[in-house]
Amino acid sequence: MSHHSKRGTPTMGGLVVIAATIVGYFTGTLTSGEHIQISALLVLFMMVGLGAVGFLDDFLKTRNQRSLGLGGWAKILGQVIVAVAFGLLALQFPNNHDITPASTAVSLFRDTRFDFVLLFGAIGGIIVYILWVAFLTTSTSNGVNVADGLDGLATGASILAIGSYIIIGFWQNNQYAYGLGLDPDVAYKAYYVRDPLDLAIVATALVGALVGFLWWNTSPAQIFLGDTGSLSIGGALAALGILSHTELLLVPIGGLFVIVTGSVILQRAYFKLSHGKRIFLMSPLHHHFELKGWAEVTVVVRFWIISGLLAGAGVGAFYLEWLSR
């Protein structure tokens, strides 16, 4: 399908996703008699905050009737402001075991020994940690934004990536409760993550919202995510990685977003270095395959398969690390 034929399709569908996620989380939590936990609120804060940045971008595009909304640096500034606020808040609110939602250590399957505060001191460590959170947030949210170029592509890939954190959150919750007894035979396997069950619940609410949205977003799309949706979803994904202490695991779990963003970076770098030559017919990568003659639906489904394989590899590696202990 020609992309020109999609003009006039409603956008800002991310507002529906954000609203459905919030309603789903609070309804599910309150009706079950559970308490609202700060970690889930932080994920929602990141989601709503980046959604607001994306909404402003979408609004300017719609009002001005052009493809340019916020300037590139203005959009990044908005993302950084939200990320800094999130990062500072995530180091507060210790629970009864003195565990805060986030830590200053870089994490893969759990926190590593690479701790910014230990390396750079209290103040310097916090500053570097905030820069790290800002990098993760802008990279992940912009990665989802770049992938949002074909009907249903970013939505389907986000379902698979965020769905991984449902599994991770439930697993961490079981092992967290098991390890708090301080039994030396099991404590070293435990995940010391604050509110892992609530992270799983908010991830479930988001996946449910995305599945409902995909019904209308699949080809031919009747509504688009817009930057409102793609930035908010990417922000939620980054927040889940940070608060579940699996930051570097975002690379395989969100592997499709890494690939399509990497294709843009490679294309631009090669274009400048080679004085006008290109690696791909067009970037991001999904448009390259469109120009090679693949149908839009073919590209989307095959990219979903790749996304699922990468997300599965991330979750599998997470589980294998636990077994190895």
Protein backbone atom coordinates (compact mmCIF):
# COMPACT_ATOMS: atom_id res chain seq x y z
CA MET A 1 0.00 0.00 0.00
CA SER A 2 1.30 3.47 -0.83
CA HIS A 3 2.03 5.53 2.24
CA HIS A 4 0.34 8.52 0.57
CA SER A 5 -2.99 6.67 0.84
CA LYS A 6 -2.64 6.71 4.64
CA ARG A 7 -2.92 10.49 4.88
CA GLY A 8 -5.91 11.48 6.96
CA THR A 9 -5.75 8.41 9.21
CA PRO A 10 -6.34 9.50 12.84
CA THR A 11 -3.21 9.66 14.97
CA MET A 12 -2.44 10.17 18.69
CA GLY A 13 -3.77 6.65 19.33
CA GLY A 14 -1.22 6.49 22.12
CA LEU A 15 -3.71 8.41 24.26
CA VAL A 16 -5.99 5.36 24.16
CA VAL A 17 -3.10 3.05 25.09
CA ILE A 18 -2.04 5.24 28.01
CA ALA A 19 -5.60 5.59 29.33
CA ALA A 20 -6.32 1.86 29.00
CA THR A 21 -3.07 0.97 30.80
CA ILE A 22 -3.81 3.29 33.71
CA VAL A 23 -7.40 2.07 34.05
CA GLY A 24 -6.31 -1.57 33.71
CA TYR A 25 -3.61 -1.32 36.36
CA PHE A 26 -5.67 0.54 38.97
CA THR A 27 -8.79 -1.54 38.36
CA GLY A 28 -6.90 -4.82 38.60
CA THR A 29 -4.95 -3.80 41.69
CA LEU A 30 -7.74 -2.16 43.67
CA THR A 31 -10.42 -4.77 42.94
CA SER A 32 -8.07 -7.50 44.16
CA GLY A 33 -7.53 -5.65 47.43
CA GLU A 34 -3.82 -5.05 46.81
CA HIS A 35 -1.92 -1.85 47.58
CA ILE A 36 -0.69 0.53 44.90
CA GLN A 37 3.10 0.29 44.80
CA ILE A 38 5.58 3.03 43.93
CA SER A 39 7.40 1.02 41.24
CA ALA A 40 4.23 0.70 39.15
CA LEU A 41 3.51 4.41 39.64
CA LEU A 42 7.01 5.23 38.39
CA VAL A 43 6.42 3.20 35.21
CA LEU A 44 3.16 5.07 34.67
CA PHE A 45 4.91 8.37 35.40
CA MET A 46 7.50 7.65 32.70
CA MET A 47 4.78 6.54 30.29
CA VAL A 48 2.60 9.60 30.82
CA GLY A 49 5.58 11.98 30.84
CA LEU A 50 6.97 10.81 27.52
CA GLY A 51 3.44 10.54 26.17
CA ALA A 52 3.05 14.26 26.91
CA VAL A 53 6.24 15.01 24.93
CA GLY A 54 4.93 12.94 22.04
CA PHE A 55 1.49 14.55 22.27
CA LEU A 56 3.00 18.01 21.93
CA ASP A 57 4.90 16.81 18.85
CA ASP A 58 1.76 15.26 17.32
CA PHE A 59 -0.32 18.33 18.15
CA LEU A 60 2.12 20.67 16.41
CA LYS A 61 2.19 18.42 13.34
CA THR A 62 -1.61 18.33 13.19
CA ARG A 63 -2.09 22.03 13.81
CA ASN A 64 0.56 23.08 11.29
CA GLN A 65 -0.45 20.39 8.77
CA ARG A 66 3.13 19.26 8.21
CA SER A 67 5.38 16.37 9.13
CA LEU A 68 7.53 18.41 11.50
CA GLY A 69 6.41 19.03 15.05
CA LEU A 70 8.93 19.55 17.83
CA GLY A 71 12.50 19.99 16.67
CA GLY A 72 14.81 17.03 17.22
CA TRP A 73 16.68 18.59 20.11
CA ALA A 74 13.50 19.94 21.69
CA LYS A 75 12.03 16.44 21.70
CA ILE A 76 15.19 14.98 23.25
CA LEU A 77 15.17 17.75 25.89
CA GLY A 78 11.64 16.78 26.85
CA GLN A 79 12.63 13.12 27.10
CA VAL A 80 15.66 13.97 29.22
CA ILE A 81 13.61 16.11 31.64
CA VAL A 82 11.17 13.25 32.23
CA ALA A 83 14.03 10.74 32.55
CA VAL A 84 15.89 12.88 35.11
CA ALA A 85 12.76 13.24 37.25
CA PHE A 86 12.13 9.49 36.98
CA GLY A 87 15.73 8.64 37.87
CA LEU A 88 15.78 10.82 40.96
CA LEU A 89 12.44 9.50 42.18
CA ALA A 90 13.47 5.89 41.55
CA LEU A 91 16.28 6.19 44.11
CA GLN A 92 13.80 7.18 46.82
CA PHE A 93 11.08 5.20 48.64
CA PRO A 94 12.98 2.30 50.26
CA ASN A 95 10.79 -0.56 51.47
CA ASN A 96 11.07 -2.48 54.74
CA HIS A 97 14.18 -4.23 53.45
CA ASP A 98 15.77 -0.89 52.43
CA ILE A 99 15.37 -1.69 48.71
CA THR A 100 14.62 1.30 46.47
CA PRO A 101 12.91 0.94 43.07
CA ALA A 102 16.20 1.55 41.21
CA SER A 103 19.86 1.34 42.14
CA THR A 104 23.01 3.07 40.97
CA ALA A 105 24.50 -0.21 39.78
CA VAL A 106 24.39 -1.20 36.11
CA SER A 107 22.28 -4.33 35.76
CA LEU A 108 21.96 -7.23 33.35
CA PHE A 109 20.02 -10.10 34.95
CA ARG A 110 20.42 -8.39 38.32
CA ASP A 111 22.70 -5.65 39.64
CA THR A 112 26.36 -6.04 38.69
CA ARG A 113 29.37 -4.85 40.66
CA PHE A 114 29.66 -1.85 38.33
CA ASP A 115 28.14 0.72 40.68
CA PHE A 116 28.35 4.40 39.73
CA VAL A 117 28.44 5.60 43.35
CA LEU A 118 31.29 3.24 44.24
CA LEU A 119 33.23 4.34 41.15
CA PHE A 120 32.57 8.09 41.17
CA GLY A 121 31.56 8.92 44.73
CA ALA A 122 28.14 9.93 46.05
CA ILE A 123 27.51 13.10 44.03
CA GLY A 124 29.44 12.09 40.92
CA GLY A 125 27.84 8.66 40.98
CA ILE A 126 24.33 10.09 41.11
CA ILE A 127 25.11 12.41 38.20
CA VAL A 128 26.47 9.56 36.06
CA TYR A 129 23.50 7.38 37.07
CA ILE A 130 21.08 10.11 35.91
CA LEU A 131 22.94 10.35 32.60
CA TRP A 132 22.68 6.56 32.27
CA VAL A 133 18.92 6.64 32.90
CA ALA A 134 18.53 9.48 30.39
CA PHE A 135 20.49 7.50 27.80
CA LEU A 136 18.40 4.36 28.34
CA THR A 137 15.17 6.34 28.19
CA THR A 138 15.92 8.36 25.06
CA SER A 139 17.42 5.35 23.27
CA THR A 140 14.49 3.05 24.01
CA SER A 141 11.72 5.56 23.37
CA ASN A 142 13.29 6.77 20.13
CA GLY A 143 13.86 3.15 19.08
CA VAL A 144 10.14 2.41 19.34
CA ASN A 145 9.44 5.69 17.56
CA VAL A 146 11.70 4.73 14.63
CA ALA A 147 10.01 1.32 14.35
CA ASP A 148 6.58 2.96 14.13
CA GLY A 149 6.70 3.26 10.33
CA LEU A 150 4.43 0.44 9.15
CA ASP A 151 0.94 -0.53 10.26
CA GLY A 152 1.13 -2.58 13.46
CA LEU A 153 4.92 -2.98 13.44
CA ALA A 154 5.79 -1.06 16.61
CA THR A 155 2.62 -2.18 18.38
CA GLY A 156 3.21 -5.88 17.79
CA ALA A 157 6.91 -5.71 18.63
CA SER A 158 6.10 -3.77 21.82
CA ILE A 159 3.64 -6.47 22.90
CA LEU A 160 6.43 -9.05 22.66
CA ALA A 161 9.05 -6.89 24.40
CA ILE A 162 6.85 -5.67 27.25
CA GLY A 163 5.29 -9.12 27.57
CA SER A 164 8.77 -10.36 28.49
CA TYR A 165 8.57 -8.27 31.65
CA ILE A 166 5.38 -10.03 32.71
CA ILE A 167 7.38 -13.27 32.89
CA ILE A 168 10.42 -11.61 34.46
CA GLY A 169 8.34 -9.77 37.08
CA PHE A 170 6.42 -12.86 38.18
CA TRP A 171 9.62 -14.90 38.36
CA GLN A 172 11.43 -12.22 40.36
CA ASN A 173 8.48 -11.98 42.74
CA ASN A 174 8.59 -15.70 43.52
CA GLN A 175 12.35 -15.75 44.04
CA TYR A 176 12.34 -12.46 45.96
CA ALA A 177 9.88 -13.81 48.51
CA TYR A 178 11.83 -17.08 48.68
CA GLY A 179 15.15 -15.39 49.31
CA LEU A 180 14.10 -13.01 52.07
CA GLY A 181 14.22 -15.82 54.58
CA LEU A 182 18.01 -15.42 54.39
CA ASP A 183 18.51 -19.16 53.92
CA PRO A 184 22.09 -19.20 52.54
CA ASP A 185 21.14 -21.99 50.14
CA VAL A 186 18.57 -19.83 48.35
CA ALA A 187 19.26 -16.18 49.22
CA TYR A 188 22.04 -15.83 46.65
CA LYS A 189 19.54 -16.73 43.90
CA ALA A 190 16.96 -14.16 44.99
CA TYR A 191 16.24 -10.96 43.06
CA TYR A 192 16.28 -7.95 45.35
CA VAL A 193 13.88 -5.87 43.28
CA ARG A 194 11.25 -3.67 44.84
CA ASP A 195 7.63 -4.52 43.85
CA PRO A 196 8.36 -7.06 41.08
CA LEU A 197 4.76 -8.30 41.11
CA ASP A 198 3.43 -4.78 40.50
CA LEU A 199 5.88 -4.37 37.63
CA ALA A 200 4.42 -7.55 36.13
CA ILE A 201 0.88 -6.24 36.64
CA VAL A 202 1.54 -2.87 35.01
CA ALA A 203 3.29 -4.66 32.13
CA THR A 204 0.22 -6.89 31.78
CA ALA A 205 -2.07 -3.85 31.68
CA LEU A 206 0.08 -2.27 28.97
CA VAL A 207 0.18 -5.46 26.91
CA GLY A 208 -3.61 -5.74 27.18
CA ALA A 209 -3.98 -2.15 25.99
CA LEU A 210 -1.63 -2.79 23.06
CA VAL A 211 -3.41 -5.98 22.03
CA GLY A 212 -6.70 -4.08 21.92
CA PHE A 213 -5.08 -1.25 19.98
CA LEU A 214 -3.47 -3.64 17.48
CA TRP A 215 -6.94 -4.73 16.36
CA TRP A 216 -7.37 -1.26 14.83
CA ASN A 217 -3.70 -0.55 14.11
CA THR A 218 -2.94 -3.57 11.93
CA SER A 219 -2.91 -3.12 8.16
CA PRO A 220 -4.79 -1.22 6.90
CA ALA A 221 -4.51 0.89 10.05
CA GLN A 222 -7.57 2.83 11.14
CA ILE A 223 -5.58 4.73 13.77
CA PHE A 224 -1.87 5.39 14.35
CA LEU A 225 0.08 5.41 17.61
CA GLY A 226 1.72 8.72 16.79
CA ASP A 227 4.64 9.98 18.82
CA THR A 228 2.22 10.06 21.75
CA GLY A 229 2.13 6.28 21.66
CA SER A 230 5.60 5.32 20.51
CA LEU A 231 7.44 7.55 22.99
CA SER A 232 5.21 6.52 25.89
CA ILE A 233 5.56 2.81 25.11
CA GLY A 234 9.34 3.14 24.77
CA GLY A 235 9.46 5.03 28.06
CA ALA A 236 7.48 2.30 29.82
CA LEU A 237 9.80 -0.35 28.38
CA ALA A 238 12.87 1.54 29.62
CA ALA A 239 11.29 2.00 33.06
CA LEU A 240 10.52 -1.72 33.32
CA GLY A 241 14.14 -2.54 32.47
CA ILE A 242 15.51 -0.07 35.03
CA LEU A 243 13.15 -0.99 37.87
CA SER A 244 13.47 -4.74 37.32
CA HIS A 245 17.26 -4.31 37.40
CA THR A 246 17.66 -5.79 33.91
CA GLU A 247 18.85 -2.69 32.07
CA LEU A 248 21.28 -4.31 29.62
CA LEU A 249 18.75 -7.07 28.96
CA LEU A 250 16.75 -4.40 27.13
CA VAL A 251 19.12 -4.94 24.17
CA PRO A 252 17.88 -8.44 23.25
CA ILE A 253 14.34 -7.98 24.60
CA GLY A 254 13.90 -4.82 22.53
CA GLY A 255 16.22 -6.17 19.86
CA LEU A 256 14.03 -5.17 16.91
CA PHE A 257 14.11 -1.56 18.04
CA VAL A 258 17.90 -1.78 18.30
CA ILE A 259 18.11 -3.16 14.75
CA VAL A 260 15.90 -0.56 13.07
CA THR A 261 17.55 2.31 14.96
CA GLY A 262 20.98 0.90 14.12
CA SER A 263 20.04 0.83 10.44
CA VAL A 264 19.33 4.58 10.56
CA ILE A 265 22.65 5.30 12.29
CA LEU A 266 24.60 3.13 9.83
CA GLN A 267 22.88 4.68 6.84
CA ARG A 268 23.63 8.23 7.92
CA ALA A 269 27.21 7.50 8.94
CA TYR A 270 27.99 5.63 5.72
CA PHE A 271 26.30 8.33 3.64
CA LYS A 272 28.58 11.00 5.12
CA LEU A 273 31.76 8.92 5.05
CA SER A 274 31.23 7.67 1.48
CA HIS A 275 30.11 11.05 0.12
CA GLY A 276 26.58 10.12 -0.79
CA LYS A 277 26.54 6.32 -1.05
CA ARG A 278 23.95 4.21 0.81
CA ILE A 279 23.93 0.78 2.46
CA PHE A 280 20.14 0.39 2.33
CA LEU A 281 17.68 1.52 -0.30
CA MET A 282 16.01 3.47 2.49
CA SER A 283 16.19 3.58 6.26
CA PRO A 284 14.81 2.54 8.70
CA LEU A 285 15.33 -1.06 7.66
CA HIS A 286 11.65 -1.93 7.18
CA HIS A 287 11.39 0.60 4.36
CA HIS A 288 14.41 -1.00 2.66
CA PHE A 289 12.50 -4.27 2.34
CA GLU A 290 9.40 -2.43 1.11
CA LEU A 291 11.46 -0.95 -1.72
CA LYS A 292 12.79 -4.42 -2.50
CA GLY A 293 9.22 -5.44 -3.25
CA TRP A 294 8.04 -7.02 0.00
CA ALA A 295 4.40 -6.37 0.85
CA GLU A 296 3.87 -4.24 3.95
CA VAL A 297 2.15 -7.09 5.81
CA THR A 298 5.03 -9.44 4.92
CA VAL A 299 7.59 -7.03 6.36
CA VAL A 300 5.57 -6.52 9.53
CA VAL A 301 4.94 -10.21 10.24
CA ARG A 302 8.55 -11.19 9.56
CA PHE A 303 9.79 -8.39 11.80
CA TRP A 304 7.37 -9.57 14.51
CA ILE A 305 8.94 -13.03 14.23
CA ILE A 306 12.41 -11.53 14.65
CA SER A 307 11.18 -9.48 17.61
CA GLY A 308 9.68 -12.56 19.23
CA LEU A 309 12.85 -14.59 18.78
CA LEU A 310 14.99 -11.82 20.31
CA ALA A 311 12.60 -11.27 23.23
CA GLY A 312 12.49 -15.02 23.83
CA ALA A 313 16.29 -15.14 23.80
CA GLY A 314 16.38 -12.38 26.41
CA VAL A 315 13.93 -14.14 28.71
CA GLY A 316 15.71 -17.46 28.14
CA ALA A 317 19.05 -15.93 29.08
CA PHE A 318 17.44 -14.46 32.20
CA TYR A 319 16.23 -17.89 33.27
CA LEU A 320 19.49 -19.63 32.40
CA GLU A 321 21.39 -17.17 34.60
CA TRP A 322 19.18 -18.19 37.54
CA LEU A 323 19.76 -21.89 36.80
CA SER A 324 23.51 -21.32 36.65
CA ARG A 325 23.41 -20.12 40.25
